[in-house]
Amino acid sequence: MITREYYQRGAPDPVLETELVLRLVRRHAPDAREMTRVDESGGEARTYYVDEGLVLKVQRPPQLRSWTSLEKEVRFLRQIAQDDPTLPVPRVLGYGREGSVEYTCMTRLPGDAAIRTPIPDVARRDTLKALGRVIRRVHTVQQAPLRESGLFPEEYTPEDLRISVAEDILDFAQRIEEKGKAWPISVTAEELSQKVVARVPSEALPVALHTNPGPTHTFVDRSTGHFTGLIDFGDAYIGHPVFDLWQWGDPADREAVLAGYLESGPTDERFWTMWDVAQVISDLRAIVRDRPFQARCAEDLAELVARW
């Protein structure tokens, strides 16, 4: 299974000089004029904004993970540009290395991340449905070239997933207990784990996933909250489609993303059994993290178990 550990925690993490940023960008956008800001989100990458519509993205060495790759993101985005050029995702202008610096030069989407730009209630469902429609289109790009690139790890085997799901549920249960909170449903964590593991289908329909199309990577208009695009494909892997649909913790948000995903056509029974599995994990994660909607997640979890 994919490991998510950072393995260069003590590595130097310098911010690039403006002159170097502009030199790299101008290799691919000769008319670039000035660096406007550095985005210090604290994540795996650091991005340098140039002019109004350009981004230079570099991997932060202490945040490097074995499954995070700028080269992989470039491969994914170029496949999307070839197969579905109207998708609202960044366009790669260039990729390369300068000494120890690996970089991607790309276009910048309008708006800002939803995590920094609250979505008004009036726009929320439409925005999340638009995201779901884009995720479905991402899942329909040609898969063979991505697999054959050797850049996309494949996490999904039924046995791997059963192990991972069981471990997640028991870990969440322990953390809930450590916080002194009540277990939210009538069945025990062990019983829940058994019920959920039994629902993992023996066959999969894996695709290349974005991995985390949640509030951090979903861009919206700063004034209206309307969806403007999806960024950051560097953690992509081959897995079950539902794992691109569970990053919004509120059950109502997840339902809206799902509604948009399904607009272009139905799925099969294997999708729905895995959808239930993903909802359990998402609900428990929200409860552990004390999210404002954790009461709704507890209700959702109880309703799921009651149906089985």
C-alpha atoms as a PDB file:
ATOM      1  CA  MET A   1       0.000   0.000   0.000  1.00  0.00           C
ATOM      2  CA  ILE A   2       1.018   3.622  -0.486  1.00  0.00           C
ATOM      3  CA  THR A   3       3.024   5.136   2.346  1.00  0.00           C
ATOM      4  CA  ARG A   4       2.311   8.733   3.276  1.00  0.00           C
ATOM      5  CA  GLU A   5       5.345   9.441   5.430  1.00  0.00           C
ATOM      6  CA  TYR A   6       7.619  12.412   4.831  1.00  0.00           C
ATOM      7  CA  TYR A   7      11.151  11.105   4.529  1.00  0.00           C
ATOM      8  CA  GLN A   8      13.366  14.235   4.365  1.00  0.00           C
ATOM      9  CA  ARG A   9      12.095  16.130   7.382  1.00  0.00           C
ATOM     10  CA  GLY A  10      15.430  17.776   8.128  1.00  0.00           C
ATOM     11  CA  ALA A  11      16.221  18.895   4.590  1.00  0.00           C
ATOM     12  CA  PRO A  12      16.836  22.607   3.862  1.00  0.00           C
ATOM     13  CA  ASP A  13      13.718  24.446   2.701  1.00  0.00           C
ATOM     14  CA  PRO A  14      14.829  27.789   1.274  1.00  0.00           C
ATOM     15  CA  VAL A  15      12.517  30.262  -0.446  1.00  0.00           C
ATOM     16  CA  LEU A  16      13.849  30.852  -3.951  1.00  0.00           C
ATOM     17  CA  GLU A  17      15.299  34.225  -4.875  1.00  0.00           C
ATOM     18  CA  THR A  18      13.106  36.371  -7.101  1.00  0.00           C
ATOM     19  CA  GLU A  19      15.725  36.396  -9.851  1.00  0.00           C
ATOM     20  CA  LEU A  20      15.755  32.581 -10.025  1.00  0.00           C
ATOM     21  CA  VAL A  21      11.960  32.370 -10.053  1.00  0.00           C
ATOM     22  CA  LEU A  22      11.706  34.804 -12.954  1.00  0.00           C
ATOM     23  CA  ARG A  23      14.505  33.110 -14.882  1.00  0.00           C
ATOM     24  CA  LEU A  24      12.751  29.752 -14.653  1.00  0.00           C
ATOM     25  CA  VAL A  25       9.349  31.179 -15.576  1.00  0.00           C
ATOM     26  CA  ARG A  26      10.753  33.115 -18.540  1.00  0.00           C
ATOM     27  CA  ARG A  27      12.019  29.883 -20.072  1.00  0.00           C
ATOM     28  CA  HIS A  28       8.368  29.061 -20.741  1.00  0.00           C
ATOM     29  CA  ALA A  29       6.686  32.478 -20.618  1.00  0.00           C
ATOM     30  CA  PRO A  30       9.234  34.965 -22.001  1.00  0.00           C
ATOM     31  CA  ASP A  31       7.086  38.011 -21.280  1.00  0.00           C
ATOM     32  CA  ALA A  32       6.827  37.358 -17.514  1.00  0.00           C
ATOM     33  CA  ARG A  33       7.491  40.577 -15.612  1.00  0.00           C
ATOM     34  CA  GLU A  34       7.407  40.265 -11.823  1.00  0.00           C
ATOM     35  CA  MET A  35       6.883  37.888  -8.926  1.00  0.00           C
ATOM     36  CA  THR A  36       3.859  39.055  -6.979  1.00  0.00           C
ATOM     37  CA  ARG A  37       3.830  36.762  -3.958  1.00  0.00           C
ATOM     38  CA  VAL A  38       4.853  33.429  -2.450  1.00  0.00           C
ATOM     39  CA  ASP A  39       2.114  31.057  -1.326  1.00  0.00           C
ATOM     40  CA  GLU A  40       3.217  29.515   1.963  1.00  0.00           C
ATOM     41  CA  SER A  41       0.416  27.040   2.618  1.00  0.00           C
ATOM     42  CA  GLY A  42       2.670  24.730   4.642  1.00  0.00           C
ATOM     43  CA  GLY A  43       1.968  21.785   2.352  1.00  0.00           C
ATOM     44  CA  GLU A  44       4.124  19.686   0.070  1.00  0.00           C
ATOM     45  CA  ALA A  45       4.678  22.397  -2.521  1.00  0.00           C
ATOM     46  CA  ARG A  46       5.609  26.068  -2.518  1.00  0.00           C
ATOM     47  CA  THR A  47       4.174  28.253  -5.258  1.00  0.00           C
ATOM     48  CA  TYR A  48       5.431  31.548  -6.603  1.00  0.00           C
ATOM     49  CA  TYR A  49       2.875  33.788  -8.297  1.00  0.00           C
ATOM     50  CA  VAL A  50       4.139  35.726 -11.298  1.00  0.00           C
ATOM     51  CA  ASP A  51       2.152  38.524 -12.912  1.00  0.00           C
ATOM     52  CA  GLU A  52      -1.599  37.856 -13.005  1.00  0.00           C
ATOM     53  CA  GLY A  53      -1.788  34.383 -14.476  1.00  0.00           C
ATOM     54  CA  LEU A  54       1.416  32.368 -13.919  1.00  0.00           C
ATOM     55  CA  VAL A  55       2.627  30.030 -11.181  1.00  0.00           C
ATOM     56  CA  LEU A  56       6.015  28.451 -10.539  1.00  0.00           C
ATOM     57  CA  LYS A  57       5.565  25.382  -8.350  1.00  0.00           C
ATOM     58  CA  VAL A  58       8.390  23.584  -6.548  1.00  0.00           C
ATOM     59  CA  GLN A  59       8.495  20.599  -4.222  1.00  0.00           C
ATOM     60  CA  ARG A  60       9.505  21.413  -0.639  1.00  0.00           C
ATOM     61  CA  PRO A  61      12.264  18.924   0.299  1.00  0.00           C
ATOM     62  CA  PRO A  62      11.226  18.355   3.961  1.00  0.00           C
ATOM     63  CA  GLN A  63       7.665  17.732   2.796  1.00  0.00           C
ATOM     64  CA  LEU A  64       8.635  15.182   0.151  1.00  0.00           C
ATOM     65  CA  ARG A  65       6.660  11.943   0.178  1.00  0.00           C
ATOM     66  CA  SER A  66       7.251   8.882  -1.936  1.00  0.00           C
ATOM     67  CA  TRP A  67       3.867   9.281  -3.619  1.00  0.00           C
ATOM     68  CA  THR A  68       4.086  13.066  -4.245  1.00  0.00           C
ATOM     69  CA  SER A  69       5.563  14.045  -7.596  1.00  0.00           C
ATOM     70  CA  LEU A  70       5.639  17.149  -9.750  1.00  0.00           C
ATOM     71  CA  GLU A  71       6.515  14.966 -12.736  1.00  0.00           C
ATOM     72  CA  LYS A  72       3.372  12.918 -12.089  1.00  0.00           C
ATOM     73  CA  GLU A  73       1.237  16.040 -11.847  1.00  0.00           C
ATOM     74  CA  VAL A  74       2.639  17.265 -15.158  1.00  0.00           C
ATOM     75  CA  ARG A  75       1.848  13.920 -16.783  1.00  0.00           C
ATOM     76  CA  PHE A  76      -1.724  13.994 -15.448  1.00  0.00           C
ATOM     77  CA  LEU A  77      -2.364  17.602 -16.475  1.00  0.00           C
ATOM     78  CA  ARG A  78      -1.000  17.026 -19.954  1.00  0.00           C
ATOM     79  CA  GLN A  79      -3.252  13.995 -20.376  1.00  0.00           C
ATOM     80  CA  ILE A  80      -6.218  16.108 -19.292  1.00  0.00           C
ATOM     81  CA  ALA A  81      -5.213  18.867 -21.724  1.00  0.00           C
ATOM     82  CA  GLN A  82      -5.082  16.320 -24.525  1.00  0.00           C
ATOM     83  CA  ASP A  83      -8.346  14.522 -23.739  1.00  0.00           C
ATOM     84  CA  ASP A  84     -10.526  17.275 -22.253  1.00  0.00           C
ATOM     85  CA  PRO A  85      -8.939  20.683 -22.883  1.00  0.00           C
ATOM     86  CA  THR A  86     -11.851  22.696 -21.488  1.00  0.00           C
ATOM     87  CA  LEU A  87     -11.523  21.262 -17.983  1.00  0.00           C
ATOM     88  CA  PRO A  88     -10.849  24.081 -15.482  1.00  0.00           C
ATOM     89  CA  VAL A  89      -7.430  22.903 -14.263  1.00  0.00           C
ATOM     90  CA  PRO A  90      -3.975  24.478 -14.613  1.00  0.00           C
ATOM     91  CA  ARG A  91      -2.210  24.189 -17.962  1.00  0.00           C
ATOM     92  CA  VAL A  92       1.422  23.140 -17.899  1.00  0.00           C
ATOM     93  CA  LEU A  93       3.728  25.566 -19.693  1.00  0.00           C
ATOM     94  CA  GLY A  94       6.969  23.836 -18.784  1.00  0.00           C
ATOM     95  CA  TYR A  95       8.667  21.406 -16.438  1.00  0.00           C
ATOM     96  CA  GLY A  96      12.329  20.944 -15.587  1.00  0.00           C
ATOM     97  CA  ARG A  97      15.178  21.161 -13.109  1.00  0.00           C
ATOM     98  CA  GLU A  98      17.671  23.848 -12.149  1.00  0.00           C
ATOM     99  CA  GLY A  99      20.324  22.313  -9.930  1.00  0.00           C
ATOM    100  CA  SER A 100      18.469  20.824  -6.979  1.00  0.00           C
ATOM    101  CA  VAL A 101      15.239  22.661  -7.850  1.00  0.00           C
ATOM    102  CA  GLU A 102      12.526  20.664  -9.613  1.00  0.00           C
ATOM    103  CA  TYR A 103       9.813  22.977 -10.900  1.00  0.00           C
ATOM    104  CA  THR A 104       6.647  23.287 -12.931  1.00  0.00           C
ATOM    105  CA  CYS A 105       5.549  26.459 -14.684  1.00  0.00           C
ATOM    106  CA  MET A 106       1.794  26.569 -15.190  1.00  0.00           C
ATOM    107  CA  THR A 107      -1.178  28.818 -15.588  1.00  0.00           C
ATOM    108  CA  ARG A 108      -2.968  30.142 -12.536  1.00  0.00           C
ATOM    109  CA  LEU A 109      -6.672  29.586 -12.030  1.00  0.00           C
ATOM    110  CA  PRO A 110      -8.909  32.550 -11.209  1.00  0.00           C
ATOM    111  CA  GLY A 111     -10.235  32.905  -7.691  1.00  0.00           C
ATOM    112  CA  ASP A 112      -8.813  31.327  -4.560  1.00  0.00           C
ATOM    113  CA  ALA A 113      -9.000  28.112  -2.555  1.00  0.00           C
ATOM    114  CA  ALA A 114     -12.346  27.493  -0.876  1.00  0.00           C
ATOM    115  CA  ILE A 115     -10.557  27.010   2.435  1.00  0.00           C
ATOM    116  CA  ARG A 116      -9.631  30.711   2.285  1.00  0.00           C
ATOM    117  CA  THR A 117     -12.817  31.906   0.588  1.00  0.00           C
ATOM    118  CA  PRO A 118     -15.998  30.831   2.371  1.00  0.00           C
ATOM    119  CA  ILE A 119     -18.721  29.763  -0.049  1.00  0.00           C
ATOM    120  CA  PRO A 120     -22.042  31.578   0.531  1.00  0.00           C
ATOM    121  CA  ASP A 121     -24.917  29.256   1.325  1.00  0.00           C
ATOM    122  CA  VAL A 122     -26.778  30.397  -1.805  1.00  0.00           C
ATOM    123  CA  ALA A 123     -23.928  29.160  -4.024  1.00  0.00           C
ATOM    124  CA  ARG A 124     -22.699  26.177  -2.041  1.00  0.00           C
ATOM    125  CA  ARG A 125     -24.663  23.329  -3.621  1.00  0.00           C
ATOM    126  CA  ASP A 126     -24.121  24.564  -7.180  1.00  0.00           C
ATOM    127  CA  THR A 127     -20.396  24.998  -6.543  1.00  0.00           C
ATOM    128  CA  LEU A 128     -19.996  21.500  -5.148  1.00  0.00           C
ATOM    129  CA  LYS A 129     -22.047  19.966  -7.941  1.00  0.00           C
ATOM    130  CA  ALA A 130     -19.776  21.727 -10.443  1.00  0.00           C
ATOM    131  CA  LEU A 131     -16.801  20.192  -8.642  1.00  0.00           C
ATOM    132  CA  GLY A 132     -18.428  16.750  -8.885  1.00  0.00           C
ATOM    133  CA  ARG A 133     -18.905  17.179 -12.633  1.00  0.00           C
ATOM    134  CA  VAL A 134     -15.227  18.053 -13.049  1.00  0.00           C
ATOM    135  CA  ILE A 135     -14.102  15.062 -10.976  1.00  0.00           C
ATOM    136  CA  ARG A 136     -16.153  12.750 -13.209  1.00  0.00           C
ATOM    137  CA  ARG A 137     -14.463  14.213 -16.290  1.00  0.00           C
ATOM    138  CA  VAL A 138     -11.042  13.784 -14.683  1.00  0.00           C
ATOM    139  CA  HIS A 139     -11.885  10.108 -14.137  1.00  0.00           C
ATOM    140  CA  THR A 140     -12.748   9.637 -17.818  1.00  0.00           C
ATOM    141  CA  VAL A 141      -9.408  10.692 -19.342  1.00  0.00           C
ATOM    142  CA  GLN A 142      -7.429   7.897 -20.966  1.00  0.00           C
ATOM    143  CA  GLN A 143      -6.128   5.641 -18.217  1.00  0.00           C
ATOM    144  CA  ALA A 144      -3.652   3.428 -20.072  1.00  0.00           C
ATOM    145  CA  PRO A 145      -1.061   6.180 -20.711  1.00  0.00           C
ATOM    146  CA  LEU A 146      -1.140   7.163 -17.037  1.00  0.00           C
ATOM    147  CA  ARG A 147      -0.665   3.610 -15.810  1.00  0.00           C
ATOM    148  CA  GLU A 148       2.056   2.928 -18.376  1.00  0.00           C
ATOM    149  CA  SER A 149       3.993   6.021 -17.263  1.00  0.00           C
ATOM    150  CA  GLY A 150       5.006   4.238 -14.062  1.00  0.00           C
ATOM    151  CA  LEU A 151       4.387   7.430 -12.099  1.00  0.00           C
ATOM    152  CA  PHE A 152       1.033   6.509 -10.544  1.00  0.00           C
ATOM    153  CA  PRO A 153       1.135   4.127  -7.593  1.00  0.00           C
ATOM    154  CA  GLU A 154      -1.789   1.725  -7.362  1.00  0.00           C
ATOM    155  CA  GLU A 155      -3.202   1.386  -3.883  1.00  0.00           C
ATOM    156  CA  TYR A 156      -6.317  -0.544  -4.610  1.00  0.00           C
ATOM    157  CA  THR A 157      -6.364  -4.238  -4.179  1.00  0.00           C
ATOM    158  CA  PRO A 158      -9.384  -5.497  -2.270  1.00  0.00           C
ATOM    159  CA  GLU A 159      -7.248  -7.009   0.473  1.00  0.00           C
ATOM    160  CA  ASP A 160      -5.140  -3.860   0.876  1.00  0.00           C
ATOM    161  CA  LEU A 161      -8.260  -1.752   1.111  1.00  0.00           C
ATOM    162  CA  ARG A 162      -9.880  -4.029   3.673  1.00  0.00           C
ATOM    163  CA  ILE A 163      -6.802  -3.781   5.856  1.00  0.00           C
ATOM    164  CA  SER A 164      -6.627  -0.010   5.467  1.00  0.00           C
ATOM    165  CA  VAL A 165     -10.332   0.509   6.241  1.00  0.00           C
ATOM    166  CA  ALA A 166     -10.231  -1.717   9.325  1.00  0.00           C
ATOM    167  CA  GLU A 167      -7.166   0.073  10.655  1.00  0.00           C
ATOM    168  CA  ASP A 168      -8.741   3.493  10.066  1.00  0.00           C
ATOM    169  CA  ILE A 169     -11.942   2.624  11.915  1.00  0.00           C
ATOM    170  CA  LEU A 170     -10.134   1.196  14.950  1.00  0.00           C
ATOM    171  CA  ASP A 171      -7.736   4.152  15.001  1.00  0.00           C
ATOM    172  CA  PHE A 172     -10.634   6.632  14.917  1.00  0.00           C
ATOM    173  CA  ALA A 173     -12.346   4.720  17.728  1.00  0.00           C
ATOM    174  CA  GLN A 174      -9.225   4.952  19.874  1.00  0.00           C
ATOM    175  CA  ARG A 175      -8.871   8.667  19.241  1.00  0.00           C
ATOM    176  CA  ILE A 176     -12.542   9.264  20.081  1.00  0.00           C
ATOM    177  CA  GLU A 177     -12.040   7.422  23.362  1.00  0.00           C
ATOM    178  CA  GLU A 178      -8.859   9.367  24.137  1.00  0.00           C
ATOM    179  CA  LYS A 179     -10.799  12.599  23.722  1.00  0.00           C
ATOM    180  CA  GLY A 180     -13.351  11.416  26.254  1.00  0.00           C
ATOM    181  CA  LYS A 181     -16.150  11.466  23.687  1.00  0.00           C
ATOM    182  CA  ALA A 182     -18.960   8.942  23.429  1.00  0.00           C
ATOM    183  CA  TRP A 183     -18.840   6.398  20.629  1.00  0.00           C
ATOM    184  CA  PRO A 184     -21.507   7.764  18.235  1.00  0.00           C
ATOM    185  CA  ILE A 185     -23.429   4.586  17.263  1.00  0.00           C
ATOM    186  CA  SER A 186     -24.893   1.519  18.917  1.00  0.00           C
ATOM    187  CA  VAL A 187     -22.542  -1.073  17.372  1.00  0.00           C
ATOM    188  CA  THR A 188     -18.979  -1.294  18.654  1.00  0.00           C
ATOM    189  CA  ALA A 189     -15.977  -0.184  16.637  1.00  0.00           C
ATOM    190  CA  GLU A 190     -15.020  -3.821  16.085  1.00  0.00           C
ATOM    191  CA  GLU A 191     -18.512  -4.638  14.810  1.00  0.00           C
ATOM    192  CA  LEU A 192     -18.512  -1.575  12.580  1.00  0.00           C
ATOM    193  CA  SER A 193     -15.126  -2.554  11.180  1.00  0.00           C
ATOM    194  CA  GLN A 194     -16.411  -6.017  10.310  1.00  0.00           C
ATOM    195  CA  LYS A 195     -19.534  -4.628   8.638  1.00  0.00           C
ATOM    196  CA  VAL A 196     -17.567  -2.122   6.581  1.00  0.00           C
ATOM    197  CA  VAL A 197     -14.820  -4.532   5.546  1.00  0.00           C
ATOM    198  CA  ALA A 198     -17.487  -6.964   4.341  1.00  0.00           C
ATOM    199  CA  ARG A 199     -18.762  -4.301   1.944  1.00  0.00           C
ATOM    200  CA  VAL A 200     -15.462  -3.869   0.085  1.00  0.00           C
ATOM    201  CA  PRO A 201     -16.116  -5.468  -3.329  1.00  0.00           C
ATOM    202  CA  SER A 202     -13.839  -8.226  -4.582  1.00  0.00           C
ATOM    203  CA  GLU A 203     -13.420  -6.446  -7.922  1.00  0.00           C
ATOM    204  CA  ALA A 204     -12.454  -2.853  -8.556  1.00  0.00           C
ATOM    205  CA  LEU A 205     -12.862  -0.242 -11.256  1.00  0.00           C
ATOM    206  CA  PRO A 206      -9.813   1.866 -10.378  1.00  0.00           C
ATOM    207  CA  VAL A 207      -8.950   5.143 -12.073  1.00  0.00           C
ATOM    208  CA  ALA A 208      -6.312   7.833 -11.673  1.00  0.00           C
ATOM    209  CA  LEU A 209      -7.538   9.980  -8.782  1.00  0.00           C
ATOM    210  CA  HIS A 210      -6.884  13.593  -7.952  1.00  0.00           C
ATOM    211  CA  THR A 211      -6.750  12.343  -4.321  1.00  0.00           C
ATOM    212  CA  ASN A 212      -7.809  15.463  -2.426  1.00  0.00           C
ATOM    213  CA  PRO A 213     -10.352  17.639  -4.283  1.00  0.00           C
ATOM    214  CA  GLY A 214     -11.398  19.248  -1.023  1.00  0.00           C
ATOM    215  CA  PRO A 215     -11.497  22.885   0.157  1.00  0.00           C
ATOM    216  CA  THR A 216      -7.710  23.306  -0.128  1.00  0.00           C
ATOM    217  CA  HIS A 217      -7.614  22.515  -3.848  1.00  0.00           C
ATOM    218  CA  THR A 218     -11.081  23.614  -5.000  1.00  0.00           C
ATOM    219  CA  PHE A 219     -10.939  27.172  -6.339  1.00  0.00           C
ATOM    220  CA  VAL A 220     -13.904  29.518  -6.176  1.00  0.00           C
ATOM    221  CA  ASP A 221     -14.660  33.087  -7.182  1.00  0.00           C
ATOM    222  CA  ARG A 222     -13.767  35.432  -4.318  1.00  0.00           C
ATOM    223  CA  SER A 223     -16.987  37.446  -4.685  1.00  0.00           C
ATOM    224  CA  THR A 224     -19.628  34.853  -5.523  1.00  0.00           C
ATOM    225  CA  GLY A 225     -18.186  31.549  -4.263  1.00  0.00           C
ATOM    226  CA  HIS A 226     -18.870  29.960  -7.642  1.00  0.00           C
ATOM    227  CA  PHE A 227     -16.569  27.143  -8.728  1.00  0.00           C
ATOM    228  CA  THR A 228     -13.606  28.194 -10.891  1.00  0.00           C
ATOM    229  CA  GLY A 229     -11.407  25.099 -10.997  1.00  0.00           C
ATOM    230  CA  LEU A 230      -9.343  22.362  -9.388  1.00  0.00           C
ATOM    231  CA  ILE A 231      -5.599  22.451  -8.656  1.00  0.00           C
ATOM    232  CA  ASP A 232      -2.789  20.199  -7.354  1.00  0.00           C
ATOM    233  CA  PHE A 233      -2.658  16.751  -8.939  1.00  0.00           C
ATOM    234  CA  GLY A 234       0.719  15.842  -7.438  1.00  0.00           C
ATOM    235  CA  ASP A 235      -0.602  13.209  -5.016  1.00  0.00           C
ATOM    236  CA  ALA A 236      -2.504  11.279  -7.688  1.00  0.00           C
ATOM    237  CA  TYR A 237      -2.699   7.498  -7.517  1.00  0.00           C
ATOM    238  CA  ILE A 238      -4.755   4.686  -9.008  1.00  0.00           C
ATOM    239  CA  GLY A 239      -7.694   3.884  -6.771  1.00  0.00           C
ATOM    240  CA  HIS A 240     -11.448   3.559  -6.470  1.00  0.00           C
ATOM    241  CA  PRO A 241     -13.403   6.586  -7.789  1.00  0.00           C
ATOM    242  CA  VAL A 242     -15.274   7.170  -4.524  1.00  0.00           C
ATOM    243  CA  PHE A 243     -12.069   8.284  -2.852  1.00  0.00           C
ATOM    244  CA  ASP A 244     -12.217  11.499  -4.857  1.00  0.00           C
ATOM    245  CA  LEU A 245     -15.687  12.250  -3.499  1.00  0.00           C
ATOM    246  CA  TRP A 246     -15.317  12.148   0.280  1.00  0.00           C
ATOM    247  CA  GLN A 247     -13.042  15.089   1.073  1.00  0.00           C
ATOM    248  CA  TRP A 248     -15.892  17.418   2.051  1.00  0.00           C
ATOM    249  CA  GLY A 249     -16.772  16.367   5.575  1.00  0.00           C
ATOM    250  CA  ASP A 250     -20.352  17.615   5.864  1.00  0.00           C
ATOM    251  CA  PRO A 251     -22.718  14.888   4.578  1.00  0.00           C
ATOM    252  CA  ALA A 252     -24.727  17.506   2.671  1.00  0.00           C
ATOM    253  CA  ASP A 253     -21.567  18.686   0.892  1.00  0.00           C
ATOM    254  CA  ARG A 254     -20.600  15.131  -0.032  1.00  0.00           C
ATOM    255  CA  GLU A 255     -24.086  14.529  -1.409  1.00  0.00           C
ATOM    256  CA  ALA A 256     -23.802  17.655  -3.578  1.00  0.00           C
ATOM    257  CA  VAL A 257     -20.427  16.562  -4.993  1.00  0.00           C
ATOM    258  CA  LEU A 258     -21.901  13.118  -5.676  1.00  0.00           C
ATOM    259  CA  ALA A 259     -24.952  14.637  -7.409  1.00  0.00           C
ATOM    260  CA  GLY A 260     -22.706  16.515  -9.800  1.00  0.00           C
ATOM    261  CA  TYR A 261     -20.586  13.419 -10.393  1.00  0.00           C
ATOM    262  CA  LEU A 262     -23.642  11.392 -11.382  1.00  0.00           C
ATOM    263  CA  GLU A 263     -25.098  13.950 -13.804  1.00  0.00           C
ATOM    264  CA  SER A 264     -23.198  12.485 -16.757  1.00  0.00           C
ATOM    265  CA  GLY A 265     -24.359   8.932 -16.125  1.00  0.00           C
ATOM    266  CA  PRO A 266     -24.949   6.179 -13.558  1.00  0.00           C
ATOM    267  CA  THR A 267     -22.424   3.926 -11.882  1.00  0.00           C
ATOM    268  CA  ASP A 268     -22.627   0.254 -10.906  1.00  0.00           C
ATOM    269  CA  GLU A 269     -23.276  -1.597  -7.650  1.00  0.00           C
ATOM    270  CA  ARG A 270     -19.572  -1.805  -6.843  1.00  0.00           C
ATOM    271  CA  PHE A 271     -19.465   1.979  -6.753  1.00  0.00           C
ATOM    272  CA  TRP A 272     -22.310   2.195  -4.252  1.00  0.00           C
ATOM    273  CA  THR A 273     -20.918  -0.350  -1.816  1.00  0.00           C
ATOM    274  CA  MET A 274     -17.610   1.523  -1.816  1.00  0.00           C
ATOM    275  CA  TRP A 275     -19.469   4.811  -1.457  1.00  0.00           C
ATOM    276  CA  ASP A 276     -20.882   3.558   1.853  1.00  0.00           C
ATOM    277  CA  VAL A 277     -17.395   2.539   2.981  1.00  0.00           C
ATOM    278  CA  ALA A 278     -16.029   5.991   2.194  1.00  0.00           C
ATOM    279  CA  GLN A 279     -18.884   7.708   4.042  1.00  0.00           C
ATOM    280  CA  VAL A 280     -18.099   5.791   7.235  1.00  0.00           C
ATOM    281  CA  ILE A 281     -14.482   6.898   7.140  1.00  0.00           C
ATOM    282  CA  SER A 282     -15.417  10.499   6.337  1.00  0.00           C
ATOM    283  CA  ASP A 283     -17.999  10.645   9.134  1.00  0.00           C
ATOM    284  CA  LEU A 284     -15.589   9.248  11.718  1.00  0.00           C
ATOM    285  CA  ARG A 285     -12.823  11.585  10.604  1.00  0.00           C
ATOM    286  CA  ALA A 286     -15.104  14.617  11.077  1.00  0.00           C
ATOM    287  CA  ILE A 287     -16.117  13.415  14.545  1.00  0.00           C
ATOM    288  CA  VAL A 288     -12.495  12.893  15.592  1.00  0.00           C
ATOM    289  CA  ARG A 289     -11.520  16.329  14.305  1.00  0.00           C
ATOM    290  CA  ASP A 290     -14.417  18.055  16.122  1.00  0.00           C
ATOM    291  CA  ARG A 291     -15.791  19.600  12.964  1.00  0.00           C
ATOM    292  CA  PRO A 292     -18.842  21.901  13.352  1.00  0.00           C
ATOM    293  CA  PHE A 293     -20.946  19.361  11.449  1.00  0.00           C
ATOM    294  CA  GLN A 294     -19.877  16.346  13.531  1.00  0.00           C
ATOM    295  CA  ALA A 295     -23.414  15.873  14.908  1.00  0.00           C
ATOM    296  CA  ARG A 296     -24.720  15.471  11.345  1.00  0.00           C
ATOM    297  CA  CYS A 297     -21.913  13.018  10.655  1.00  0.00           C
ATOM    298  CA  ALA A 298     -22.923  10.942  13.686  1.00  0.00           C
ATOM    299  CA  GLU A 299     -26.508  10.859  12.412  1.00  0.00           C
ATOM    300  CA  ASP A 300     -25.307   9.907   8.937  1.00  0.00           C
ATOM    301  CA  LEU A 301     -23.157   7.125  10.371  1.00  0.00           C
ATOM    302  CA  ALA A 302     -26.073   5.731  12.376  1.00  0.00           C
ATOM    303  CA  GLU A 303     -28.309   5.778   9.272  1.00  0.00           C
ATOM    304  CA  LEU A 304     -25.684   3.948   7.223  1.00  0.00           C
ATOM    305  CA  VAL A 305     -25.277   1.176   9.781  1.00  0.00           C
ATOM    306  CA  ALA A 306     -29.034   0.838  10.199  1.00  0.00           C
ATOM    307  CA  ARG A 307     -29.363   0.024   6.469  1.00  0.00           C
ATOM    308  CA  TRP A 308     -26.903  -2.881   6.566  1.00  0.00           C
END
